[in-house]
Amino acid sequence: MNKKVLTTALLASAAAAGTAHAQSSVTLYGVIDAGISYANHSKNAAGGTDKIFKYDDGVAQGSRWDLRGTEDLGGGLKALFVLESGFNSGTGASGQGGALFGRQAYVGVSKDGIGAVTLGRQYSFSTDYLGGNYSTGGLTVAGNYAYHINDVDQLTSSRINNAVKFSSANFAGFTFGAMYGFSNQAGAFGGAPATGTTANPVAGSSRAYSFGLNYANGPIGVGAAYTDIRFPSQATPAFSTTIANVSTGSVRDLRTFGLGGRYIIGPATLYALWTNTHFEPITGASTTFNNFEGGAKYAFTPALTGGLGYTYSRLTGATTGHFNQVDASVDYALSKRTDVYALGIFQEASGKTGTQPIQAQIGSATSYFSTSGSGSQNQLAFRVGMRHKF
C-alpha cells in the first residue's frame, strides 16, 4: 500500500538525551472504500422479501485511518506501534463496536533475524496467514462479500483483545507465530467465568490463542493456522457464532483450523482454502462448519484485473445444510492509490434449522442485506465501488 510518510523531528531531542543513533518515524495511512450495492431477497418492513439498493462501505477493504511508528534502538532492535481506527464512510461512525482503535492497537519490539513480540489488540493467525493470502475475500475486490458467512472461521475480522503475540522473521520463506489473549478476569485464565454460571459467564471472560505457519517463496505459497476462542460471545466486541439463521446456542468454545495454498503462473494466481470451524455449546450437540474454496485472479493489463471464486460450505452436527457461492469481480486501477471495481455474487442454501429453511446470507457481516428472517434460500448481489488508499 502506498503511504504518506510523516517523519517526526525527534533526532534533536534524541541527541540531547545522548541517543543520537535512534531514529523515529510515524506513518499515517488508510483506506476509504465506498459504493452502491444491490441484492434481491432481502427482508422488508412487512416481514417479506424485496430487493434492496444501498450505499455500502468497506467491501473491498474496510475503511480505516491508521498510524504506524518505529524507533531504531540500535543493534537490529526496534520499538514499534500500530493504531488502526475503522469507520463507516457513509455515516462517519466508528467501526468495531465503536472502539477508537478497534481494528488494531498494539506496541512491541522487533529484532532483525528473530521476529517481533507485540502486546495489545491484534489479528489472529487465521487472519494473518489465511484470510489475506488464500481466499477470494483477501485476493480480490470481492472482499467482505466473499468471505465466509459471518467470518466465523476468523479470516478477516479475528481481532484478539489483551493479546501477547510473537511473529517470526522470514527464514528462507518460512514464517510462524503464536499468540495468547488474556481473559483479564480473576480466576479465569483459561476463559472460564469468574462469577455467575457457565451458561451466563461474566462479560470479559473470553480468552483466545492462535498459532500459524506459512511458507511463501517465488510462485508458491502454503499456510496453516489454528485459532481457539473461549466464550466468544463474551468478548468486546463479541465474535459472531451465527451461520445464516442457524443458532449454535451458548458457545463455550469456537475452534477453527485452516489450510491454504496458492500458485502464481505469469499474470494468473490460483488459490485454494479449506477451513473447519467447530462450535462447542455449553449444553446440547455441537456444530461444525466446513468451507472449501477455490479460485483465480488474472491481470489482463497492469491496470485491469479479474477474479473468480467458488465456495462450498457444509454444516454438520446439530444442524445440517449446504451453501454454494460464486464470486466474480473486475478491478481497474486509475492510479497506484485509486481503483474502481464491480462485482457480482450468487449464493444458494439448502437444509433446515428446525422447521425453517436455512437462509442464504452473503458476506462476513451479520446483515449486509437484511436477510435475517427472510427465509430466502438464494440471493444475488451486485456492487460498483471506488477505493482510495492514502
Protein backbone atom coordinates (compact mmCIF):
# COMPACT_ATOMS: atom_id res chain seq x y z
CA MET A 1 0.00 0.00 0.00
CA ASN A 2 1.29 3.45 -0.87
CA LYS A 3 1.63 5.59 2.22
CA LYS A 4 2.20 9.22 3.02
CA VAL A 5 5.09 9.23 5.45
CA LEU A 6 5.27 11.85 8.16
CA THR A 7 8.80 11.76 9.59
CA THR A 8 8.85 13.22 13.05
CA ALA A 9 11.62 15.58 14.16
CA LEU A 10 12.88 13.54 17.08
CA LEU A 11 16.57 13.43 16.20
CA ALA A 12 17.30 16.66 18.04
CA SER A 13 15.70 15.51 21.26
CA ALA A 14 17.37 12.12 20.94
CA ALA A 15 20.76 13.80 20.58
CA ALA A 16 20.06 15.94 23.63
CA ALA A 17 19.33 12.78 25.55
CA GLY A 18 22.58 11.24 24.40
CA THR A 19 20.96 8.76 21.99
CA ALA A 20 21.69 10.32 18.64
CA HIS A 21 21.76 6.90 16.95
CA ALA A 22 18.00 6.45 17.48
CA GLN A 23 15.68 7.42 14.64
CA SER A 24 11.90 7.51 14.81
CA SER A 25 9.19 7.78 12.19
CA VAL A 26 5.40 7.80 12.17
CA THR A 27 3.37 6.83 9.11
CA LEU A 28 -0.21 7.95 8.51
CA TYR A 29 -2.07 5.68 6.09
CA GLY A 30 -5.54 4.37 5.41
CA VAL A 31 -8.29 3.24 3.04
CA ILE A 32 -11.70 4.64 2.08
CA ASP A 33 -13.94 2.16 0.25
CA ALA A 34 -17.44 3.20 -0.82
CA GLY A 35 -20.04 2.24 -3.41
CA ILE A 36 -23.59 1.23 -4.29
CA SER A 37 -24.84 -2.32 -3.80
CA TYR A 38 -27.94 -4.25 -4.87
CA ALA A 39 -29.35 -7.52 -3.60
CA ASN A 40 -32.60 -9.41 -4.10
CA HIS A 41 -34.47 -11.41 -1.45
CA SER A 42 -33.79 -9.07 1.45
CA LYS A 43 -36.21 -8.82 4.36
CA ASN A 44 -38.57 -5.83 4.16
CA ALA A 45 -40.50 -4.00 6.89
CA ALA A 46 -43.54 -6.22 6.40
CA GLY A 47 -41.54 -9.36 7.04
CA GLY A 48 -41.48 -10.44 3.41
CA THR A 49 -38.66 -10.20 0.88
CA ASP A 50 -37.81 -7.46 -1.58
CA LYS A 51 -34.84 -6.06 -3.47
CA ILE A 52 -32.56 -3.53 -1.84
CA PHE A 53 -30.36 -0.74 -3.21
CA LYS A 54 -27.97 0.64 -0.63
CA TYR A 55 -24.85 2.70 -0.03
CA ASP A 56 -22.33 0.29 1.41
CA ASP A 57 -18.93 0.90 2.91
CA GLY A 58 -15.81 -1.18 3.34
CA VAL A 59 -16.48 -4.06 0.97
CA ALA A 60 -13.22 -4.47 -0.99
CA GLN A 61 -11.43 -3.37 2.19
CA GLY A 62 -12.68 -1.95 5.45
CA SER A 63 -12.42 1.85 5.61
CA ARG A 64 -9.83 2.99 8.15
CA TRP A 65 -7.23 5.55 9.17
CA ASP A 66 -4.09 4.32 10.82
CA LEU A 67 -0.83 5.29 12.47
CA ARG A 68 2.29 3.13 12.42
CA GLY A 69 5.60 4.02 14.03
CA THR A 70 9.08 2.64 14.65
CA GLU A 71 12.11 3.68 16.66
CA ASP A 72 15.58 2.34 15.88
CA LEU A 73 17.12 1.21 19.16
CA GLY A 74 20.37 0.06 17.57
CA GLY A 75 21.86 -3.38 17.00
CA GLY A 76 18.92 -4.51 14.84
CA LEU A 77 16.43 -3.80 17.65
CA LYS A 78 13.37 -1.61 17.05
CA ALA A 79 10.42 -0.41 19.08
CA LEU A 80 7.14 -0.30 17.13
CA PHE A 81 3.46 0.52 17.43
CA VAL A 82 0.29 0.30 15.31
CA LEU A 83 -3.03 2.10 15.86
CA GLU A 84 -5.83 1.35 13.37
CA SER A 85 -9.24 3.01 13.55
CA GLY A 86 -12.11 1.65 11.46
CA PHE A 87 -15.01 3.83 10.36
CA ASN A 88 -18.05 3.91 8.10
CA SER A 89 -17.67 6.43 5.27
CA GLY A 90 -21.43 6.69 4.86
CA THR A 91 -22.15 7.78 8.43
CA GLY A 92 -18.77 8.68 9.91
CA ALA A 93 -19.39 6.25 12.77
CA SER A 94 -16.55 4.25 14.29
CA GLY A 95 -16.43 0.56 13.45
CA GLN A 96 -15.69 -2.49 15.59
CA GLY A 97 -18.31 -1.70 18.19
CA GLY A 98 -17.38 1.98 18.39
CA ALA A 99 -13.81 1.48 19.64
CA LEU A 100 -11.45 4.32 18.69
CA PHE A 101 -8.74 1.88 17.59
CA GLY A 102 -10.90 -1.20 17.17
CA ARG A 103 -9.03 -2.65 14.22
CA GLN A 104 -5.64 -2.89 15.93
CA ALA A 105 -3.84 -1.25 18.84
CA TYR A 106 -0.50 -2.63 19.92
CA VAL A 107 3.09 -1.85 20.91
CA GLY A 108 6.14 -4.06 20.81
CA VAL A 109 9.75 -4.68 19.93
CA SER A 110 11.37 -6.46 16.97
CA LYS A 111 14.82 -7.92 16.40
CA ASP A 112 16.35 -8.46 12.97
CA GLY A 113 16.64 -12.15 12.16
CA ILE A 114 14.39 -13.24 15.05
CA GLY A 115 10.97 -11.59 14.91
CA ALA A 116 8.66 -9.34 16.94
CA VAL A 117 6.84 -9.52 20.26
CA THR A 118 3.78 -7.26 20.40
CA LEU A 119 1.15 -6.53 23.04
CA GLY A 120 -2.42 -5.25 22.52
CA ARG A 121 -5.44 -5.85 20.28
CA GLN A 122 -4.16 -7.84 17.29
CA TYR A 123 -5.15 -10.18 14.47
CA SER A 124 -5.12 -13.94 14.94
CA PHE A 125 -3.00 -16.04 12.59
CA SER A 126 -6.19 -17.23 10.86
CA THR A 127 -6.46 -13.67 9.54
CA ASP A 128 -2.71 -13.03 9.17
CA TYR A 129 -1.86 -16.16 7.21
CA LEU A 130 -5.07 -17.49 5.64
CA GLY A 131 -7.51 -14.63 5.03
CA GLY A 132 -5.22 -12.34 3.06
CA ASN A 133 -3.23 -14.96 1.18
CA TYR A 134 -5.54 -17.79 0.12
CA SER A 135 -9.15 -16.54 -0.03
CA THR A 136 -11.32 -14.75 -2.60
CA GLY A 137 -12.04 -12.09 0.00
CA GLY A 138 -8.39 -11.29 0.54
CA LEU A 139 -7.10 -11.71 -3.02
CA THR A 140 -9.83 -9.87 -4.98
CA VAL A 141 -12.07 -6.82 -4.60
CA ALA A 142 -14.98 -9.16 -3.76
CA GLY A 143 -13.63 -8.58 -0.24
CA ASN A 144 -16.05 -8.82 2.64
CA TYR A 145 -18.91 -10.07 0.46
CA ALA A 146 -16.79 -13.10 -0.48
CA TYR A 147 -15.51 -14.00 2.98
CA HIS A 148 -17.40 -16.90 4.54
CA ILE A 149 -20.66 -16.33 6.38
CA ASN A 150 -20.20 -14.01 9.35
CA ASP A 151 -16.46 -14.71 9.29
CA VAL A 152 -16.94 -17.50 11.83
CA ASP A 153 -13.66 -19.04 10.57
CA GLN A 154 -11.81 -15.82 11.53
CA LEU A 155 -10.40 -14.96 8.09
CA THR A 156 -10.91 -11.18 8.13
CA SER A 157 -12.10 -9.82 11.48
CA SER A 158 -10.35 -12.03 14.03
CA ARG A 159 -9.02 -9.37 16.39
CA ILE A 160 -7.95 -10.67 19.79
CA ASN A 161 -8.07 -8.41 22.85
CA ASN A 162 -5.35 -8.24 25.53
CA ALA A 163 -3.02 -10.33 23.36
CA VAL A 164 0.67 -11.13 23.53
CA LYS A 165 1.93 -12.21 20.12
CA PHE A 166 5.17 -13.48 18.64
CA SER A 167 5.66 -13.22 14.85
CA SER A 168 8.87 -14.66 13.48
CA ALA A 169 11.24 -13.17 10.96
CA ASN A 170 11.37 -14.73 7.49
CA PHE A 171 13.55 -17.84 7.39
CA ALA A 172 14.05 -18.84 3.73
CA GLY A 173 10.34 -18.23 3.07
CA PHE A 174 9.04 -19.68 6.35
CA THR A 175 7.27 -17.55 8.95
CA PHE A 176 5.49 -18.73 12.09
CA GLY A 177 3.92 -17.35 15.21
CA ALA A 178 1.85 -17.80 18.34
CA MET A 179 -0.39 -15.56 20.43
CA TYR A 180 -2.44 -15.62 23.62
CA GLY A 181 -5.30 -13.28 24.52
CA PHE A 182 -5.96 -12.93 28.24
CA SER A 183 -9.46 -13.03 29.73
CA ASN A 184 -8.44 -10.36 32.29
CA GLN A 185 -10.78 -11.93 34.84
CA ALA A 186 -9.58 -13.21 38.22
CA GLY A 187 -9.77 -16.99 38.33
CA ALA A 188 -10.49 -17.20 34.60
CA PHE A 189 -7.07 -17.58 33.00
CA GLY A 190 -8.50 -20.26 30.68
CA GLY A 191 -11.60 -18.24 29.88
CA ALA A 192 -13.92 -19.85 32.44
CA PRO A 193 -16.36 -17.48 34.12
CA ALA A 194 -15.11 -15.85 37.31
CA THR A 195 -18.64 -15.27 38.58
CA GLY A 196 -22.10 -16.33 37.51
CA THR A 197 -22.60 -19.69 35.81
CA THR A 198 -21.18 -21.41 32.76
CA ALA A 199 -24.45 -20.69 30.97
CA ASN A 200 -24.10 -16.98 31.76
CA PRO A 201 -20.38 -16.16 32.03
CA VAL A 202 -19.35 -12.71 33.12
CA ALA A 203 -18.54 -10.18 30.44
CA GLY A 204 -14.86 -10.13 29.63
CA SER A 205 -14.21 -13.79 30.45
CA SER A 206 -13.34 -14.66 26.85
CA ARG A 207 -9.79 -15.81 26.16
CA ALA A 208 -8.14 -16.86 22.90
CA TYR A 209 -5.00 -18.35 21.45
CA SER A 210 -3.74 -18.83 17.91
CA PHE A 211 -0.87 -20.44 16.03
CA GLY A 212 0.24 -20.19 12.42
CA LEU A 213 2.84 -21.37 9.93
CA ASN A 214 3.33 -20.01 6.42
CA TYR A 215 5.69 -20.61 3.50
CA ALA A 216 5.95 -18.16 0.60
CA ASN A 217 8.76 -18.39 -1.89
CA GLY A 218 8.53 -17.36 -5.54
CA PRO A 219 5.26 -18.53 -7.10
CA ILE A 220 4.37 -20.93 -4.27
CA GLY A 221 2.58 -20.17 -1.03
CA VAL A 222 1.24 -22.59 1.62
CA GLY A 223 -0.14 -21.74 5.04
CA ALA A 224 -1.92 -23.18 8.07
CA ALA A 225 -3.47 -21.59 11.15
CA TYR A 226 -5.42 -22.59 14.25
CA THR A 227 -7.45 -20.26 16.48
CA ASP A 228 -9.36 -21.14 19.67
CA ILE A 229 -11.71 -18.63 21.33
CA ARG A 230 -13.28 -19.45 24.71
CA PHE A 231 -16.73 -17.92 25.31
CA PRO A 232 -16.61 -15.90 22.05
CA SER A 233 -19.85 -14.02 22.76
CA GLN A 234 -18.28 -12.51 25.91
CA ALA A 235 -15.52 -10.66 24.05
CA THR A 236 -15.87 -6.92 23.37
CA PRO A 237 -16.98 -6.67 20.66
CA ALA A 238 -18.35 -10.19 20.56
CA PHE A 239 -17.27 -12.75 17.97
CA SER A 240 -20.06 -13.99 15.73
CA THR A 241 -21.27 -17.56 16.31
CA THR A 242 -24.24 -17.40 13.92
CA ILE A 243 -24.33 -19.03 10.48
CA ALA A 244 -27.26 -17.65 8.45
CA ASN A 245 -30.33 -18.20 10.66
CA VAL A 246 -28.78 -21.22 12.39
CA SER A 247 -28.36 -20.89 16.16
CA THR A 248 -25.27 -22.52 17.63
CA GLY A 249 -26.55 -21.91 21.17
CA SER A 250 -24.45 -20.53 24.03
CA VAL A 251 -20.99 -21.34 22.73
CA ARG A 252 -18.37 -22.46 25.22
CA ASP A 253 -15.63 -22.77 22.60
CA LEU A 254 -15.06 -21.76 18.97
CA ARG A 255 -12.19 -23.65 17.33
CA THR A 256 -11.14 -23.09 13.74
CA PHE A 257 -8.36 -24.63 11.66
CA GLY A 258 -7.45 -23.92 8.06
CA LEU A 259 -5.07 -24.87 5.25
CA GLY A 260 -4.44 -22.72 2.18
CA GLY A 261 -2.25 -22.67 -0.89
CA ARG A 262 -1.59 -20.58 -3.98
CA TYR A 263 0.42 -20.77 -7.19
CA ILE A 264 1.32 -17.87 -9.49
CA ILE A 265 1.65 -18.54 -13.23
CA GLY A 266 2.56 -15.37 -15.09
CA PRO A 267 -0.39 -12.96 -14.77
CA ALA A 268 -2.59 -15.62 -13.11
CA THR A 269 -2.87 -16.54 -9.43
CA LEU A 270 -4.57 -19.83 -8.48
CA TYR A 271 -5.58 -20.47 -4.87
CA ALA A 272 -7.42 -22.94 -2.65
CA LEU A 273 -8.50 -22.88 1.00
CA TRP A 274 -10.18 -25.21 3.48
CA THR A 275 -11.39 -24.17 6.93
CA ASN A 276 -13.02 -26.28 9.63
CA THR A 277 -14.83 -24.39 12.41
CA HIS A 278 -16.27 -26.22 15.42
CA PHE A 279 -18.78 -24.72 17.87
CA GLU A 280 -18.88 -26.45 21.24
CA PRO A 281 -22.01 -25.33 23.15
CA ILE A 282 -22.40 -25.26 26.91
CA THR A 283 -25.23 -27.75 26.54
CA GLY A 284 -26.51 -29.75 23.59
CA ALA A 285 -24.97 -31.00 20.37
CA SER A 286 -22.05 -29.31 18.65
CA THR A 287 -21.99 -27.84 15.13
CA THR A 288 -19.20 -27.96 12.56
CA PHE A 289 -18.88 -25.61 9.57
CA ASN A 290 -16.55 -26.63 6.71
CA ASN A 291 -15.66 -24.28 3.85
CA PHE A 292 -13.98 -25.49 0.67
CA GLU A 293 -12.88 -22.62 -1.55
CA GLY A 294 -11.00 -22.25 -4.81
CA GLY A 295 -10.48 -19.51 -7.34
CA ALA A 296 -8.23 -17.49 -9.58
CA LYS A 297 -7.41 -13.92 -10.46
CA TYR A 298 -5.88 -12.73 -13.73
CA ALA A 299 -4.14 -9.48 -14.62
CA PHE A 300 -5.29 -8.70 -18.19
CA THR A 301 -3.20 -5.50 -18.13
CA PRO A 302 -1.20 -3.75 -15.38
CA ALA A 303 -4.40 -1.82 -14.56
CA LEU A 304 -7.18 -4.38 -15.21
CA THR A 305 -7.65 -7.48 -13.04
CA GLY A 306 -10.46 -10.04 -12.96
CA GLY A 307 -11.30 -12.57 -10.27
CA LEU A 308 -13.49 -15.66 -9.98
CA GLY A 309 -14.08 -17.78 -6.88
CA TYR A 310 -16.28 -20.64 -5.71
CA THR A 311 -17.03 -21.74 -2.13
CA TYR A 312 -18.88 -24.84 -0.97
CA SER A 313 -19.89 -24.72 2.69
CA ARG A 314 -21.28 -27.59 4.74
CA LEU A 315 -22.95 -27.63 8.15
CA THR A 316 -22.93 -30.85 10.18
CA GLY A 317 -23.87 -31.76 13.73
CA ALA A 318 -26.84 -30.13 15.47
CA THR A 319 -27.92 -28.68 12.10
CA THR A 320 -27.15 -29.95 8.61
CA GLY A 321 -27.12 -27.85 5.47
CA HIS A 322 -25.15 -26.70 2.44
CA PHE A 323 -24.21 -23.43 0.76
CA ASN A 324 -22.86 -22.85 -2.76
CA GLN A 325 -21.45 -19.43 -3.64
CA VAL A 326 -19.89 -17.97 -6.80
CA ASP A 327 -17.99 -14.66 -6.74
CA ALA A 328 -16.93 -12.69 -9.83
CA SER A 329 -15.17 -9.31 -9.85
CA VAL A 330 -13.27 -6.88 -12.04
CA ASP A 331 -10.96 -4.11 -10.81
CA TYR A 332 -9.47 -1.18 -12.73
CA ALA A 333 -6.63 0.89 -11.25
CA LEU A 334 -6.89 4.58 -12.07
CA SER A 335 -3.55 5.09 -10.30
CA LYS A 336 -1.41 3.33 -7.73
CA ARG A 337 -3.70 4.64 -5.00
CA THR A 338 -7.17 4.72 -6.55
CA ASP A 339 -9.24 2.00 -8.23
CA VAL A 340 -12.83 1.35 -9.30
CA TYR A 341 -14.43 -2.07 -9.34
CA ALA A 342 -17.57 -4.11 -9.98
CA LEU A 343 -18.57 -7.47 -8.56
CA GLY A 344 -21.39 -9.98 -8.57
CA ILE A 345 -22.14 -12.77 -6.09
CA PHE A 346 -24.71 -15.57 -6.05
CA GLN A 347 -25.38 -17.87 -3.10
CA GLU A 348 -27.78 -20.79 -2.73
CA ALA A 349 -28.54 -22.55 0.56
CA SER A 350 -30.23 -25.86 1.34
CA GLY A 351 -31.33 -27.54 4.54
CA LYS A 352 -33.48 -26.63 7.53
CA THR A 353 -32.98 -25.36 11.05
CA GLY A 354 -35.97 -26.78 12.92
CA THR A 355 -38.90 -26.24 10.59
CA GLN A 356 -37.39 -23.17 8.91
CA PRO A 357 -35.20 -23.28 5.80
CA ILE A 358 -31.57 -22.30 6.18
CA GLN A 359 -31.40 -18.91 4.51
CA ALA A 360 -28.79 -17.51 2.18
CA GLN A 361 -26.57 -14.87 3.71
CA ILE A 362 -23.80 -13.25 1.73
CA GLY A 363 -20.74 -11.81 3.42
CA SER A 364 -18.73 -11.62 6.60
CA ALA A 365 -21.16 -9.28 8.40
CA THR A 366 -24.38 -10.34 10.07
CA SER A 367 -26.76 -8.23 7.99
CA TYR A 368 -25.19 -6.76 4.86
CA PHE A 369 -28.53 -7.14 3.08
CA SER A 370 -31.04 -7.57 5.94
CA THR A 371 -31.51 -11.27 5.22
CA SER A 372 -32.29 -12.28 8.80
CA GLY A 373 -35.79 -13.68 8.95
CA SER A 374 -36.36 -13.55 5.20
CA GLY A 375 -36.27 -17.33 4.77
CA SER A 376 -34.87 -16.94 1.25
CA GLN A 377 -32.59 -19.77 0.20
CA ASN A 378 -30.84 -17.92 -2.59
CA GLN A 379 -29.53 -14.40 -3.02
CA LEU A 380 -27.93 -12.42 -5.83
CA ALA A 381 -25.90 -9.27 -5.17
CA PHE A 382 -24.08 -6.72 -7.34
CA ARG A 383 -21.84 -3.80 -6.45
CA VAL A 384 -19.91 -0.96 -8.05
CA GLY A 385 -17.39 0.78 -5.85
CA MET A 386 -14.36 3.00 -5.52
CA ARG A 387 -11.37 2.56 -3.24
CA HIS A 388 -8.73 5.13 -2.36
CA LYS A 389 -5.58 4.40 -0.38
CA PHE A 390 -3.59 7.14 1.31
